[in-house]
Amino acid sequence: MKAFIYTLIICFAASSLFAQTDTIKTRSSDKGDADTIIIIKSKKRHKLKFGIGQDVAEVNINNNEYDTTYTASKAPGFSFGLTFTRFDIGLATLNDNGSFKLSPQNQFLNYRSWRSSSIGFDVLQLSYRFNSAFRIYTAGGFDWFNLRLRESGTIQRDGDVLTFVPDDIKYTKNRLRASYLRIPVALDFRTHDDADGRRFHFVGGLDMGLLLGSSLLQESTENGSQKRGGDYHFTKFRYGPFVRVGYGGIGVFARYYMNDMFDDSPAQKGLRNFSFGMSVGW
């Protein structure tokens, strides 16, 4: 019985969502012939919005026609909801007291530049639009910092300070990772649409992060794959300026954190994170 009721509910929802509207027109002939009845079938259009306001993400359902409606500007006001945007993929680099060359005490963090990455995206957004060109927003998302180590050895977890123990194992992968809840606060400026319907974006602001977790992943012939989660002294809270510049839906970003990358580890004082790369969405 329950299965039958659930089936009826699903069928009713589907018919409501994809229902068709019949438009009946009658056309009479000038010669007095019988009327011709024309039935035009058109599907109902549905727009699913993931929040409140004009800047939230939305999806058009059951609409295969090209929408030629042009909106000159978006009205001022607040928007809040899911966003699924600003997908960043870039390279992570270390800055050691103003230099991109690591000091002797930090040589164990020597990394593979093209395999060390910063990946993130936003899922929730609160914004206020002043006019078509300017808005200010804050968002919530996730960011993953991955450092591919070159040196053979293991960074110890849950130690008093950040400690590296060298060994003779040949690792195919030796990756130190930290995941953060990211909270940007930014001012977004965009130009008017050009002839192709695209525009330039210029975004700048403050990026903050709360540590969610950290781990060390090692792969070798001797020990197989090992993942060790724990405390690797990553800073619990990070902050720094960032910029985004782009055209259409694609852009580039750069982000520099002002505080040290590791806490309670004096030898790593002044070691900071700088990342840059490509971004999709605004």
Protein backbone atom coordinates (compact mmCIF):
# COMPACT_ATOMS: atom_id res chain seq x y z
CA MET A 1 0.00 0.00 0.00
CA LYS A 2 2.79 2.42 0.89
CA ALA A 3 4.55 1.65 -2.38
CA PHE A 4 1.33 2.44 -4.29
CA ILE A 5 0.91 5.77 -2.46
CA TYR A 6 4.53 6.72 -3.10
CA THR A 7 4.07 5.86 -6.78
CA LEU A 8 1.00 8.12 -7.00
CA ILE A 9 2.89 10.97 -5.33
CA ILE A 10 5.81 10.64 -7.73
CA CYS A 11 3.50 10.48 -10.75
CA PHE A 12 1.58 13.54 -9.57
CA ALA A 13 4.79 15.50 -8.99
CA ALA A 14 6.14 14.53 -12.38
CA SER A 15 2.92 15.44 -14.16
CA SER A 16 2.83 18.79 -12.36
CA LEU A 17 6.43 19.54 -13.22
CA PHE A 18 6.32 18.53 -16.85
CA ALA A 19 2.67 19.25 -17.58
CA GLN A 20 1.68 20.62 -20.98
CA THR A 21 -0.66 23.49 -21.69
CA ASP A 22 -2.95 23.14 -24.72
CA THR A 23 -3.88 26.32 -26.56
CA ILE A 24 -6.92 25.93 -28.84
CA LYS A 25 -7.40 28.31 -31.73
CA THR A 26 -10.29 28.31 -34.23
CA ARG A 27 -9.72 29.64 -37.73
CA SER A 28 -12.64 30.25 -40.09
CA SER A 29 -12.38 30.19 -43.88
CA ASP A 30 -13.61 33.17 -45.91
CA LYS A 31 -15.36 30.77 -48.33
CA GLY A 32 -17.66 29.46 -45.68
CA ASP A 33 -15.91 26.13 -45.25
CA ALA A 34 -15.83 24.34 -41.97
CA ASP A 35 -13.77 25.87 -39.21
CA THR A 36 -10.27 24.55 -38.69
CA ILE A 37 -9.28 23.83 -35.09
CA ILE A 38 -5.59 24.21 -34.32
CA ILE A 39 -4.21 22.80 -31.07
CA ILE A 40 -0.86 24.22 -29.99
CA LYS A 41 0.91 22.29 -27.25
CA SER A 42 3.52 24.03 -25.15
CA LYS A 43 5.29 22.83 -22.03
CA LYS A 44 5.12 24.78 -18.82
CA ARG A 45 8.36 26.43 -17.84
CA HIS A 46 9.66 26.15 -14.31
CA LYS A 47 12.51 28.03 -12.69
CA LEU A 48 14.12 26.56 -9.58
CA LYS A 49 15.90 29.11 -7.35
CA PHE A 50 18.30 28.12 -4.58
CA GLY A 51 17.64 31.05 -2.27
CA ILE A 52 16.18 34.53 -1.94
CA GLY A 53 17.04 37.49 -4.16
CA GLN A 54 18.21 38.10 -7.71
CA ASP A 55 21.85 37.02 -7.30
CA VAL A 56 21.19 33.42 -6.20
CA ALA A 57 21.75 30.38 -8.39
CA GLU A 58 18.80 29.17 -10.45
CA VAL A 59 18.00 26.38 -12.90
CA ASN A 60 15.49 26.46 -15.76
CA ILE A 61 13.48 23.23 -15.96
CA ASN A 62 11.63 22.00 -19.05
CA ASN A 63 12.69 24.99 -21.13
CA ASN A 64 14.32 24.12 -24.43
CA GLU A 65 13.76 27.50 -26.04
CA TYR A 66 16.39 30.22 -26.11
CA ASP A 67 15.42 33.03 -23.77
CA THR A 68 15.86 36.35 -25.58
CA THR A 69 14.74 38.44 -22.60
CA TYR A 70 17.39 41.02 -21.74
CA THR A 71 17.63 42.48 -18.27
CA ALA A 72 19.49 45.77 -18.23
CA SER A 73 20.36 45.66 -14.53
CA LYS A 74 19.62 43.91 -11.28
CA ALA A 75 17.69 45.81 -8.65
CA PRO A 76 19.44 46.77 -5.39
CA GLY A 77 18.85 44.49 -2.44
CA PHE A 78 19.94 41.45 -0.48
CA SER A 79 20.34 37.93 -1.81
CA PHE A 80 20.93 34.76 0.18
CA GLY A 81 21.15 31.13 -0.86
CA LEU A 82 23.19 28.35 -2.42
CA THR A 83 25.65 29.46 -5.06
CA PHE A 84 27.86 26.55 -6.35
CA THR A 85 30.42 28.91 -7.90
CA ARG A 86 33.94 30.36 -7.70
CA PHE A 87 35.58 27.01 -8.35
CA ASP A 88 39.32 27.62 -7.93
CA ILE A 89 42.13 25.37 -9.04
CA GLY A 90 45.65 26.67 -8.72
CA LEU A 91 49.20 26.19 -7.55
CA ALA A 92 50.23 26.47 -3.91
CA THR A 93 53.59 28.03 -3.09
CA LEU A 94 55.46 28.73 0.13
CA ASN A 95 56.91 32.10 1.06
CA ASP A 96 59.66 31.86 3.67
CA ASN A 97 60.11 35.27 5.34
CA GLY A 98 59.71 37.13 2.06
CA SER A 99 61.57 34.63 -0.13
CA PHE A 100 60.27 31.81 -2.31
CA LYS A 101 63.45 29.88 -1.46
CA LEU A 102 63.13 27.78 1.67
CA SER A 103 65.50 28.41 4.57
CA PRO A 104 67.72 25.53 5.83
CA GLN A 105 65.41 24.66 8.74
CA ASN A 106 62.48 24.31 6.31
CA GLN A 107 64.20 22.23 3.62
CA PHE A 108 62.20 19.16 4.66
CA LEU A 109 59.17 21.02 3.21
CA ASN A 110 60.82 21.18 -0.22
CA TYR A 111 57.91 20.52 -2.58
CA ARG A 112 57.03 19.74 -6.19
CA SER A 113 55.75 23.04 -7.53
CA TRP A 114 53.51 21.69 -10.31
CA ARG A 115 51.90 19.09 -8.04
CA SER A 116 51.21 21.27 -5.02
CA SER A 117 47.74 22.69 -5.34
CA SER A 118 45.01 24.83 -3.84
CA ILE A 119 41.46 23.78 -4.77
CA GLY A 120 38.24 25.29 -3.47
CA PHE A 121 34.70 26.45 -4.16
CA ASP A 122 31.83 28.31 -2.49
CA VAL A 123 28.42 26.80 -1.70
CA LEU A 124 26.59 29.47 0.32
CA GLN A 125 26.41 33.22 -0.23
CA LEU A 126 24.98 36.38 1.31
CA SER A 127 25.26 39.52 -0.82
CA TYR A 128 23.97 43.05 -1.19
CA ARG A 129 23.80 44.63 -4.63
CA PHE A 130 24.07 48.42 -4.77
CA ASN A 131 23.42 48.60 -8.52
CA SER A 132 24.13 46.65 -11.68
CA ALA A 133 27.88 47.19 -11.35
CA PHE A 134 28.66 46.89 -7.62
CA ARG A 135 27.87 44.36 -4.94
CA ILE A 136 29.43 43.20 -1.69
CA TYR A 137 29.23 39.57 -0.60
CA THR A 138 30.36 37.04 1.93
CA ALA A 139 30.28 33.32 1.31
CA GLY A 140 31.00 29.93 2.81
CA GLY A 141 32.89 27.17 1.04
CA PHE A 142 35.75 24.71 1.23
CA ASP A 143 39.44 24.87 0.34
CA TRP A 144 42.05 22.11 0.16
CA PHE A 145 45.78 22.82 0.44
CA ASN A 146 48.03 20.05 -0.92
CA LEU A 147 51.82 20.06 -0.60
CA ARG A 148 53.68 17.33 -2.52
CA LEU A 149 56.91 16.77 -0.62
CA ARG A 150 60.16 15.87 -2.39
CA GLU A 151 62.12 14.61 0.61
CA SER A 152 62.02 10.99 1.76
CA GLY A 153 60.71 10.91 5.29
CA THR A 154 57.67 11.38 7.49
CA ILE A 155 56.29 14.46 9.18
CA GLN A 156 55.23 13.39 12.66
CA ARG A 157 51.66 14.00 13.75
CA ASP A 158 50.52 15.28 17.15
CA GLY A 159 54.03 16.40 18.12
CA ASP A 160 54.98 19.37 20.27
CA VAL A 161 56.45 21.07 17.18
CA LEU A 162 56.50 20.24 13.48
CA THR A 163 59.00 17.37 13.25
CA PHE A 164 60.39 15.55 10.20
CA VAL A 165 61.95 12.08 10.44
CA PRO A 166 64.00 11.16 7.31
CA ASP A 167 64.19 7.61 5.96
CA ASP A 168 65.41 5.66 2.91
CA ILE A 169 61.99 4.77 1.52
CA LYS A 170 61.31 5.85 -2.07
CA TYR A 171 57.84 7.40 -1.97
CA THR A 172 55.76 7.67 -5.11
CA LYS A 173 53.54 10.09 -3.20
CA ASN A 174 54.25 12.05 -0.02
CA ARG A 175 51.50 14.63 0.38
CA LEU A 176 50.71 16.93 3.29
CA ARG A 177 47.13 18.20 3.18
CA ALA A 178 44.95 20.64 5.10
CA SER A 179 41.27 21.38 4.55
CA TYR A 180 39.67 24.69 5.51
CA LEU A 181 36.24 26.21 5.71
CA ARG A 182 36.75 29.37 3.68
CA ILE A 183 34.86 32.61 4.30
CA PRO A 184 35.56 35.39 1.79
CA VAL A 185 34.32 38.96 2.15
CA ALA A 186 34.62 40.84 -1.14
CA LEU A 187 33.59 43.75 -3.31
CA ASP A 188 32.60 42.70 -6.83
CA PHE A 189 32.66 45.18 -9.73
CA ARG A 190 31.45 44.19 -13.19
CA THR A 191 31.25 46.14 -16.43
CA HIS A 192 28.30 46.37 -18.81
CA ASP A 193 27.71 43.55 -21.27
CA ASP A 194 29.68 43.76 -24.50
CA ALA A 195 28.41 42.77 -27.96
CA ASP A 196 28.83 39.07 -27.08
CA GLY A 197 26.82 39.38 -23.87
CA ARG A 198 29.90 39.00 -21.65
CA ARG A 199 31.46 41.35 -19.14
CA PHE A 200 34.66 41.91 -17.16
CA HIS A 201 34.77 41.21 -13.43
CA PHE A 202 37.11 42.72 -10.84
CA VAL A 203 36.86 41.30 -7.32
CA GLY A 204 38.94 42.02 -4.24
CA GLY A 205 38.61 41.36 -0.54
CA LEU A 206 39.61 39.36 2.51
CA ASP A 207 39.73 35.56 2.61
CA MET A 208 39.45 33.83 5.99
CA GLY A 209 39.72 30.14 6.79
CA LEU A 210 38.94 27.81 9.69
CA LEU A 211 40.89 24.56 9.86
CA LEU A 212 38.74 21.45 9.41
CA GLY A 213 41.45 18.79 9.39
CA SER A 214 44.90 17.77 8.18
CA SER A 215 46.58 14.56 7.08
CA LEU A 216 49.68 13.01 5.53
CA LEU A 217 49.29 10.58 2.62
CA GLN A 218 52.23 8.35 1.67
CA GLU A 219 52.50 5.72 -1.05
CA SER A 220 55.48 3.41 -1.48
CA THR A 221 56.34 -0.10 -2.60
CA GLU A 222 57.52 -1.01 0.90
CA ASN A 223 54.48 0.19 2.88
CA GLY A 224 51.72 0.55 0.30
CA SER A 225 49.29 3.43 0.83
CA GLN A 226 49.12 5.02 4.28
CA LYS A 227 47.02 7.99 5.37
CA ARG A 228 47.65 9.53 8.78
CA GLY A 229 45.22 12.11 10.06
CA GLY A 230 46.09 14.27 13.03
CA ASP A 231 47.60 17.53 14.18
CA TYR A 232 50.31 18.80 11.83
CA HIS A 233 50.37 22.28 13.38
CA PHE A 234 48.49 23.98 10.56
CA THR A 235 47.15 27.31 11.77
CA LYS A 236 43.60 27.07 13.09
CA PHE A 237 42.63 30.41 11.54
CA ARG A 238 44.14 32.05 8.47
CA TYR A 239 43.43 35.34 6.76
CA GLY A 240 44.72 37.40 3.86
CA PRO A 241 43.83 39.49 0.81
CA PHE A 242 42.76 38.04 -2.52
CA VAL A 243 41.88 39.29 -6.00
CA ARG A 244 39.93 37.86 -8.93
CA VAL A 245 39.94 39.21 -12.48
CA GLY A 246 38.18 37.70 -15.44
CA TYR A 247 35.98 37.89 -18.50
CA GLY A 248 32.75 36.00 -19.00
CA GLY A 249 32.66 33.02 -16.66
CA ILE A 250 36.44 32.43 -16.53
CA GLY A 251 39.05 34.29 -14.54
CA VAL A 252 42.27 34.12 -12.55
CA PHE A 253 42.81 34.50 -8.81
CA ALA A 254 45.65 35.20 -6.40
CA ARG A 255 45.57 34.78 -2.62
CA TYR A 256 48.18 35.54 0.04
CA TYR A 257 47.75 34.67 3.71
CA MET A 258 49.20 37.20 6.14
CA ASN A 259 49.69 34.87 9.11
CA ASP A 260 52.07 31.93 9.48
CA MET A 261 51.06 28.62 7.95
CA PHE A 262 52.00 26.64 11.09
CA ASP A 263 51.20 27.34 14.75
CA ASP A 264 53.32 26.53 17.83
CA SER A 265 56.36 25.66 15.73
CA PRO A 266 59.05 28.39 16.12
CA ALA A 267 61.31 27.03 13.36
CA GLN A 268 58.55 27.69 10.81
CA LYS A 269 57.91 31.28 11.90
CA GLY A 270 57.43 33.51 8.85
CA LEU A 271 56.47 30.62 6.53
CA ARG A 272 53.33 31.62 4.65
CA ASN A 273 51.09 30.40 1.85
CA PHE A 274 50.59 32.07 -1.53
CA SER A 275 48.37 30.53 -4.20
CA PHE A 276 47.26 31.52 -7.69
CA GLY A 277 45.42 29.90 -10.58
CA MET A 278 42.21 29.76 -12.60
CA SER A 279 38.68 30.38 -11.39
CA VAL A 280 35.24 29.56 -12.81
CA GLY A 281 32.17 31.55 -11.82
CA TRP A 282 31.55 34.76 -9.94
